[in-house]
Amino acid sequence: MDFKLHNLPYHVIINVEMRNFLKIAGFTLIAVGTIGLLLNEFVWDAGTSLTIIFAVVNFVGLVNLAFAHFGMREIKTD
């Protein structure tokens, strides 16, 4: 499927460095959220608020990865 520049509401055109940064940030947030959830379950037992915080961090990381993968496309030069 070939999107032209006038179809901007469907895709965000962004450079490769920003896309790579968003992917790395997404993976980092998912890792921090998962490790935090596991530590809270097996080590800390800190309570519901910390579980919700780490779950939100996980969700933000997943949304970040989904946006970087599906919502953006690279600038193609012809």
PDB file of N, CA and C in Angstrom:
ATOM      1  N   MET A   1       0.843  -1.160   0.000  1.00  0.00           N
ATOM      2  CA  MET A   1       0.000   0.000   0.000  1.00  0.00           C
ATOM      3  C   MET A   1       0.896   1.233   0.000  1.00  0.00           C
ATOM      4  N   ASP A   2       0.655   2.131  -0.909  1.00  0.00           N
ATOM      5  CA  ASP A   2       1.499   3.309  -1.037  1.00  0.00           C
ATOM      6  C   ASP A   2       0.736   4.532  -0.538  1.00  0.00           C
ATOM      7  N   PHE A   3       1.227   5.116   0.549  1.00  0.00           N
ATOM      8  CA  PHE A   3       0.613   6.317   1.097  1.00  0.00           C
ATOM      9  C   PHE A   3       1.336   7.538   0.552  1.00  0.00           C
ATOM     10  N   LYS A   4       0.571   8.490   0.152  1.00  0.00           N
ATOM     11  CA  LYS A   4       1.155   9.728  -0.335  1.00  0.00           C
ATOM     12  C   LYS A   4       1.199  10.726   0.832  1.00  0.00           C
ATOM     13  N   LEU A   5       1.890  11.830   0.637  1.00  0.00           N
ATOM     14  CA  LEU A   5       2.066  12.797   1.719  1.00  0.00           C
ATOM     15  C   LEU A   5       0.768  13.459   2.154  1.00  0.00           C
ATOM     16  N   HIS A   6      -0.276  13.456   1.317  1.00  0.00           N
ATOM     17  CA  HIS A   6      -1.523  14.078   1.737  1.00  0.00           C
ATOM     18  C   HIS A   6      -2.342  13.176   2.663  1.00  0.00           C
ATOM     19  N   ASN A   7      -1.899  11.941   2.924  1.00  0.00           N
ATOM     20  CA  ASN A   7      -2.580  11.042   3.852  1.00  0.00           C
ATOM     21  C   ASN A   7      -1.938  11.094   5.236  1.00  0.00           C
ATOM     22  N   LEU A   8      -1.513  12.254   5.666  1.00  0.00           N
ATOM     23  CA  LEU A   8      -0.808  12.393   6.932  1.00  0.00           C
ATOM     24  C   LEU A   8      -1.610  12.015   8.168  1.00  0.00           C
ATOM     25  N   PRO A   9      -2.937  12.142   8.228  1.00  0.00           N
ATOM     26  CA  PRO A   9      -3.610  11.737   9.459  1.00  0.00           C
ATOM     27  C   PRO A   9      -3.462  10.247   9.779  1.00  0.00           C
ATOM     28  N   TYR A  10      -3.153   9.432   8.803  1.00  0.00           N
ATOM     29  CA  TYR A  10      -3.079   7.993   9.029  1.00  0.00           C
ATOM     30  C   TYR A  10      -1.703   7.537   9.479  1.00  0.00           C
ATOM     31  N   HIS A  11      -0.684   8.237   9.132  1.00  0.00           N
ATOM     32  CA  HIS A  11       0.675   7.872   9.507  1.00  0.00           C
ATOM     33  C   HIS A  11       1.452   9.133   9.859  1.00  0.00           C
ATOM     34  N   VAL A  12       2.359   8.997  10.786  1.00  0.00           N
ATOM     35  CA  VAL A  12       3.230  10.094  11.157  1.00  0.00           C
ATOM     36  C   VAL A  12       4.565   9.856  10.469  1.00  0.00           C
ATOM     37  N   ILE A  13       5.018  10.828   9.722  1.00  0.00           N
ATOM     38  CA  ILE A  13       6.305  10.709   9.048  1.00  0.00           C
ATOM     39  C   ILE A  13       7.374  11.207  10.007  1.00  0.00           C
ATOM     40  N   ILE A  14       8.372  10.380  10.247  1.00  0.00           N
ATOM     41  CA  ILE A  14       9.384  10.718  11.239  1.00  0.00           C
ATOM     42  C   ILE A  14      10.709  10.132  10.791  1.00  0.00           C
ATOM     43  N   ASN A  15      11.789  10.689  11.265  1.00  0.00           N
ATOM     44  CA  ASN A  15      13.088  10.182  10.854  1.00  0.00           C
ATOM     45  C   ASN A  15      13.432   8.898  11.597  1.00  0.00           C
ATOM     46  N   VAL A  16      14.447   8.201  11.109  1.00  0.00           N
ATOM     47  CA  VAL A  16      14.795   6.877  11.618  1.00  0.00           C
ATOM     48  C   VAL A  16      15.315   6.949  13.048  1.00  0.00           C
ATOM     49  N   GLU A  17      16.059   7.989  13.390  1.00  0.00           N
ATOM     50  CA  GLU A  17      16.619   8.093  14.736  1.00  0.00           C
ATOM     51  C   GLU A  17      15.518   8.197  15.786  1.00  0.00           C
ATOM     52  N   MET A  18      14.482   8.973  15.510  1.00  0.00           N
ATOM     53  CA  MET A  18      13.382   9.118  16.457  1.00  0.00           C
ATOM     54  C   MET A  18      12.614   7.814  16.601  1.00  0.00           C
ATOM     55  N   ARG A  19      12.419   7.114  15.496  1.00  0.00           N
ATOM     56  CA  ARG A  19      11.724   5.830  15.543  1.00  0.00           C
ATOM     57  C   ARG A  19      12.513   4.818  16.377  1.00  0.00           C
ATOM     58  N   ASN A  20      13.828   4.771  16.192  1.00  0.00           N
ATOM     59  CA  ASN A  20      14.660   3.862  16.979  1.00  0.00           C
ATOM     60  C   ASN A  20      14.639   4.235  18.456  1.00  0.00           C
ATOM     61  N   PHE A  21      14.651   5.530  18.762  1.00  0.00           N
ATOM     62  CA  PHE A  21      14.575   5.970  20.155  1.00  0.00           C
ATOM     63  C   PHE A  21      13.264   5.536  20.799  1.00  0.00           C
ATOM     64  N   LEU A  22      12.163   5.670  20.073  1.00  0.00           N
ATOM     65  CA  LEU A  22      10.871   5.270  20.616  1.00  0.00           C
ATOM     66  C   LEU A  22      10.815   3.766  20.862  1.00  0.00           C
ATOM     67  N   LYS A  23      11.412   2.988  19.975  1.00  0.00           N
ATOM     68  CA  LYS A  23      11.430   1.535  20.175  1.00  0.00           C
ATOM     69  C   LYS A  23      12.277   1.164  21.389  1.00  0.00           C
ATOM     70  N   ILE A  24      13.436   1.774  21.531  1.00  0.00           N
ATOM     71  CA  ILE A  24      14.302   1.481  22.679  1.00  0.00           C
ATOM     72  C   ILE A  24      13.621   1.917  23.977  1.00  0.00           C
ATOM     73  N   ALA A  25      12.981   3.077  23.960  1.00  0.00           N
ATOM     74  CA  ALA A  25      12.270   3.543  25.155  1.00  0.00           C
ATOM     75  C   ALA A  25      11.111   2.615  25.498  1.00  0.00           C
ATOM     76  N   GLY A  26      10.419   2.113  24.480  1.00  0.00           N
ATOM     77  CA  GLY A  26       9.324   1.173  24.727  1.00  0.00           C
ATOM     78  C   GLY A  26       9.806  -0.114  25.358  1.00  0.00           C
ATOM     79  N   PHE A  27      10.886  -0.674  24.818  1.00  0.00           N
ATOM     80  CA  PHE A  27      11.440  -1.899  25.400  1.00  0.00           C
ATOM     81  C   PHE A  27      11.932  -1.663  26.825  1.00  0.00           C
ATOM     82  N   THR A  28      12.528  -0.504  27.071  1.00  0.00           N
ATOM     83  CA  THR A  28      13.009  -0.190  28.413  1.00  0.00           C
ATOM     84  C   THR A  28      11.854  -0.082  29.397  1.00  0.00           C
ATOM     85  N   LEU A  29      10.773   0.593  29.001  1.00  0.00           N
ATOM     86  CA  LEU A  29       9.613   0.715  29.883  1.00  0.00           C
ATOM     87  C   LEU A  29       8.975  -0.642  30.167  1.00  0.00           C
ATOM     88  N   ILE A  30       8.902  -1.492  29.160  1.00  0.00           N
ATOM     89  CA  ILE A  30       8.339  -2.827  29.372  1.00  0.00           C
ATOM     90  C   ILE A  30       9.223  -3.628  30.317  1.00  0.00           C
ATOM     91  N   ALA A  31      10.532  -3.525  30.152  1.00  0.00           N
ATOM     92  CA  ALA A  31      11.450  -4.260  31.037  1.00  0.00           C
ATOM     93  C   ALA A  31      11.336  -3.765  32.473  1.00  0.00           C
ATOM     94  N   VAL A  32      11.311  -2.452  32.662  1.00  0.00           N
ATOM     95  CA  VAL A  32      11.198  -1.893  34.013  1.00  0.00           C
ATOM     96  C   VAL A  32       9.865  -2.286  34.645  1.00  0.00           C
ATOM     97  N   GLY A  33       8.787  -2.208  33.882  1.00  0.00           N
ATOM     98  CA  GLY A  33       7.480  -2.571  34.405  1.00  0.00           C
ATOM     99  C   GLY A  33       7.383  -4.039  34.776  1.00  0.00           C
ATOM    100  N   THR A  34       7.926  -4.902  33.926  1.00  0.00           N
ATOM    101  CA  THR A  34       7.867  -6.339  34.202  1.00  0.00           C
ATOM    102  C   THR A  34       8.720  -6.714  35.405  1.00  0.00           C
ATOM    103  N   ILE A  35       9.930  -6.192  35.469  1.00  0.00           N
ATOM    104  CA  ILE A  35      10.801  -6.473  36.619  1.00  0.00           C
ATOM    105  C   ILE A  35      10.181  -5.923  37.899  1.00  0.00           C
ATOM    106  N   GLY A  36       9.593  -4.739  37.816  1.00  0.00           N
ATOM    107  CA  GLY A  36       8.942  -4.165  38.989  1.00  0.00           C
ATOM    108  C   GLY A  36       7.753  -4.988  39.450  1.00  0.00           C
ATOM    109  N   LEU A  37       6.951  -5.480  38.507  1.00  0.00           N
ATOM    110  CA  LEU A  37       5.821  -6.328  38.888  1.00  0.00           C
ATOM    111  C   LEU A  37       6.286  -7.626  39.525  1.00  0.00           C
ATOM    112  N   LEU A  38       7.321  -8.234  38.966  1.00  0.00           N
ATOM    113  CA  LEU A  38       7.838  -9.483  39.536  1.00  0.00           C
ATOM    114  C   LEU A  38       8.434  -9.266  40.921  1.00  0.00           C
ATOM    115  N   LEU A  39       9.209  -8.196  41.074  1.00  0.00           N
ATOM    116  CA  LEU A  39       9.784  -7.919  42.388  1.00  0.00           C
ATOM    117  C   LEU A  39       8.708  -7.592  43.418  1.00  0.00           C
ATOM    118  N   ASN A  40       7.693  -6.868  42.994  1.00  0.00           N
ATOM    119  CA  ASN A  40       6.611  -6.538  43.920  1.00  0.00           C
ATOM    120  C   ASN A  40       5.852  -7.796  44.335  1.00  0.00           C
ATOM    121  N   GLU A  41       5.719  -8.736  43.434  1.00  0.00           N
ATOM    122  CA  GLU A  41       4.982  -9.956  43.751  1.00  0.00           C
ATOM    123  C   GLU A  41       5.771 -10.887  44.673  1.00  0.00           C
ATOM    124  N   PHE A  42       7.062 -11.049  44.390  1.00  0.00           N
ATOM    125  CA  PHE A  42       7.828 -12.072  45.094  1.00  0.00           C
ATOM    126  C   PHE A  42       8.769 -11.543  46.176  1.00  0.00           C
ATOM    127  N   VAL A  43       9.129 -10.272  46.147  1.00  0.00           N
ATOM    128  CA  VAL A  43      10.115  -9.758  47.100  1.00  0.00           C
ATOM    129  C   VAL A  43       9.510  -8.721  48.036  1.00  0.00           C
ATOM    130  N   TRP A  44       8.950  -7.638  47.471  1.00  0.00           N
ATOM    131  CA  TRP A  44       8.549  -6.508  48.289  1.00  0.00           C
ATOM    132  C   TRP A  44       7.210  -6.679  48.966  1.00  0.00           C
ATOM    133  N   ASP A  45       6.196  -7.121  48.232  1.00  0.00           N
ATOM    134  CA  ASP A  45       4.817  -7.171  48.712  1.00  0.00           C
ATOM    135  C   ASP A  45       4.381  -5.802  49.228  1.00  0.00           C
ATOM    136  N   ALA A  46       4.594  -4.787  48.389  1.00  0.00           N
ATOM    137  CA  ALA A  46       4.373  -3.402  48.790  1.00  0.00           C
ATOM    138  C   ALA A  46       2.916  -2.971  48.721  1.00  0.00           C
ATOM    139  N   GLY A  47       2.106  -3.647  47.946  1.00  0.00           N
ATOM    140  CA  GLY A  47       0.701  -3.283  47.921  1.00  0.00           C
ATOM    141  C   GLY A  47       0.180  -2.978  46.535  1.00  0.00           C
ATOM    142  N   THR A  48      -1.051  -2.561  46.511  1.00  0.00           N
ATOM    143  CA  THR A  48      -1.758  -2.357  45.253  1.00  0.00           C
ATOM    144  C   THR A  48      -1.252  -1.145  44.484  1.00  0.00           C
ATOM    145  N   SER A  49      -0.878  -0.087  45.162  1.00  0.00           N
ATOM    146  CA  SER A  49      -0.474   1.139  44.465  1.00  0.00           C
ATOM    147  C   SER A  49       0.785   0.912  43.623  1.00  0.00           C
ATOM    148  N   LEU A  50       1.744   0.189  44.168  1.00  0.00           N
ATOM    149  CA  LEU A  50       2.956  -0.089  43.404  1.00  0.00           C
ATOM    150  C   LEU A  50       2.676  -1.020  42.231  1.00  0.00           C
ATOM    151  N   THR A  51       1.755  -1.944  42.405  1.00  0.00           N
ATOM    152  CA  THR A  51       1.362  -2.833  41.306  1.00  0.00           C
ATOM    153  C   THR A  51       0.724  -2.035  40.181  1.00  0.00           C
ATOM    154  N   ILE A  52      -0.123  -1.090  40.531  1.00  0.00           N
ATOM    155  CA  ILE A  52      -0.777  -0.269  39.510  1.00  0.00           C
ATOM    156  C   ILE A  52       0.245   0.605  38.793  1.00  0.00           C
ATOM    157  N   ILE A  53       1.201   1.149  39.512  1.00  0.00           N
ATOM    158  CA  ILE A  53       2.235   1.992  38.894  1.00  0.00           C
ATOM    159  C   ILE A  53       3.046   1.195  37.889  1.00  0.00           C
ATOM    160  N   PHE A  54       3.488  -0.008  38.273  1.00  0.00           N
ATOM    161  CA  PHE A  54       4.277  -0.813  37.343  1.00  0.00           C
ATOM    162  C   PHE A  54       3.434  -1.315  36.176  1.00  0.00           C
ATOM    163  N   ALA A  55       2.156  -1.571  36.400  1.00  0.00           N
ATOM    164  CA  ALA A  55       1.285  -1.975  35.305  1.00  0.00           C
ATOM    165  C   ALA A  55       1.100  -0.828  34.301  1.00  0.00           C
ATOM    166  N   VAL A  56       0.990   0.388  34.801  1.00  0.00           N
ATOM    167  CA  VAL A  56       0.875   1.557  33.912  1.00  0.00           C
ATOM    168  C   VAL A  56       2.166   1.754  33.129  1.00  0.00           C
ATOM    169  N   VAL A  57       3.312   1.559  33.772  1.00  0.00           N
ATOM    170  CA  VAL A  57       4.600   1.658  33.061  1.00  0.00           C
ATOM    171  C   VAL A  57       4.656   0.620  31.949  1.00  0.00           C
ATOM    172  N   ASN A  58       4.208  -0.600  32.224  1.00  0.00           N
ATOM    173  CA  ASN A  58       4.152  -1.636  31.204  1.00  0.00           C
ATOM    174  C   ASN A  58       3.243  -1.238  30.049  1.00  0.00           C
ATOM    175  N   PHE A  59       2.069  -0.707  30.370  1.00  0.00           N
ATOM    176  CA  PHE A  59       1.117  -0.310  29.339  1.00  0.00           C
ATOM    177  C   PHE A  59       1.653   0.825  28.475  1.00  0.00           C
ATOM    178  N   VAL A  60       2.286   1.796  29.097  1.00  0.00           N
ATOM    179  CA  VAL A  60       2.869   2.909  28.335  1.00  0.00           C
ATOM    180  C   VAL A  60       3.971   2.399  27.405  1.00  0.00           C
ATOM    181  N   GLY A  61       4.765   1.445  27.877  1.00  0.00           N
ATOM    182  CA  GLY A  61       5.789   0.853  27.014  1.00  0.00           C
ATOM    183  C   GLY A  61       5.184   0.128  25.832  1.00  0.00           C
ATOM    184  N   LEU A  62       4.100  -0.607  26.052  1.00  0.00           N
ATOM    185  CA  LEU A  62       3.441  -1.300  24.946  1.00  0.00           C
ATOM    186  C   LEU A  62       2.836  -0.330  23.937  1.00  0.00           C
ATOM    187  N   VAL A  63       2.219   0.726  24.433  1.00  0.00           N
ATOM    188  CA  VAL A  63       1.655   1.738  23.530  1.00  0.00           C
ATOM    189  C   VAL A  63       2.772   2.417  22.734  1.00  0.00           C
ATOM    190  N   ASN A  64       3.886   2.687  23.390  1.00  0.00           N
ATOM    191  CA  ASN A  64       5.040   3.299  22.731  1.00  0.00           C
ATOM    192  C   ASN A  64       5.563   2.406  21.612  1.00  0.00           C
ATOM    193  N   LEU A  65       5.702   1.116  21.893  1.00  0.00           N
ATOM    194  CA  LEU A  65       6.165   0.183  20.870  1.00  0.00           C
ATOM    195  C   LEU A  65       5.169   0.064  19.730  1.00  0.00           C
ATOM    196  N   ALA A  66       3.892  -0.011  20.043  1.00  0.00           N
ATOM    197  CA  ALA A  66       2.881  -0.122  18.997  1.00  0.00           C
ATOM    198  C   ALA A  66       2.879   1.111  18.104  1.00  0.00           C
ATOM    199  N   PHE A  67       3.017   2.285  18.709  1.00  0.00           N
ATOM    200  CA  PHE A  67       3.056   3.508  17.903  1.00  0.00           C
ATOM    201  C   PHE A  67       4.300   3.555  17.029  1.00  0.00           C
ATOM    202  N   ALA A  68       5.442   3.149  17.583  1.00  0.00           N
ATOM    203  CA  ALA A  68       6.681   3.176  16.797  1.00  0.00           C
ATOM    204  C   ALA A  68       6.644   2.160  15.674  1.00  0.00           C
ATOM    205  N   HIS A  69       5.959   1.049  15.882  1.00  0.00           N
ATOM    206  CA  HIS A  69       5.958   0.009  14.863  1.00  0.00           C
ATOM    207  C   HIS A  69       4.862   0.214  13.817  1.00  0.00           C
ATOM    208  N   PHE A  70       3.651   0.511  14.256  1.00  0.00           N
ATOM    209  CA  PHE A  70       2.517   0.579  13.332  1.00  0.00           C
ATOM    210  C   PHE A  70       2.126   1.998  12.951  1.00  0.00           C
ATOM    211  N   GLY A  71       2.375   2.975  13.790  1.00  0.00           N
ATOM    212  CA  GLY A  71       1.843   4.311  13.556  1.00  0.00           C
ATOM    213  C   GLY A  71       2.767   5.249  12.821  1.00  0.00           C
ATOM    214  N   MET A  72       3.996   4.815  12.564  1.00  0.00           N
ATOM    215  CA  MET A  72       4.937   5.706  11.894  1.00  0.00           C
ATOM    216  C   MET A  72       5.480   5.028  10.658  1.00  0.00           C
ATOM    217  N   ARG A  73       5.867   5.820   9.710  1.00  0.00           N
ATOM    218  CA  ARG A  73       6.548   5.279   8.547  1.00  0.00           C
ATOM    219  C   ARG A  73       7.748   6.157   8.238  1.00  0.00           C
ATOM    220  N   GLU A  74       8.703   5.558   7.575  1.00  0.00           N
ATOM    221  CA  GLU A  74       9.929   6.286   7.266  1.00  0.00           C
ATOM    222  C   GLU A  74       9.740   7.165   6.051  1.00  0.00           C
ATOM    223  N   ILE A  75      10.537   8.207   5.967  1.00  0.00           N
ATOM    224  CA  ILE A  75      10.515   9.079   4.808  1.00  0.00           C
ATOM    225  C   ILE A  75      11.252   8.383   3.677  1.00  0.00           C
ATOM    226  N   LYS A  76      10.566   8.208   2.568  1.00  0.00           N
ATOM    227  CA  LYS A  76      11.177   7.558   1.417  1.00  0.00           C
ATOM    228  C   LYS A  76      11.591   8.624   0.416  1.00  0.00           C
ATOM    229  N   THR A  77      12.843   8.600   0.062  1.00  0.00           N
ATOM    230  CA  THR A  77      13.325   9.556  -0.926  1.00  0.00           C
ATOM    231  C   THR A  77      13.467   8.855  -2.263  1.00  0.00           C
ATOM    232  N   ASP A  78      12.922   9.448  -3.262  1.00  0.00           N
ATOM    233  CA  ASP A  78      12.982   8.865  -4.626  1.00  0.00           C
ATOM    234  C   ASP A  78      13.979   9.583  -5.486  1.00  0.00           C
TER     235      ASP A  78
END
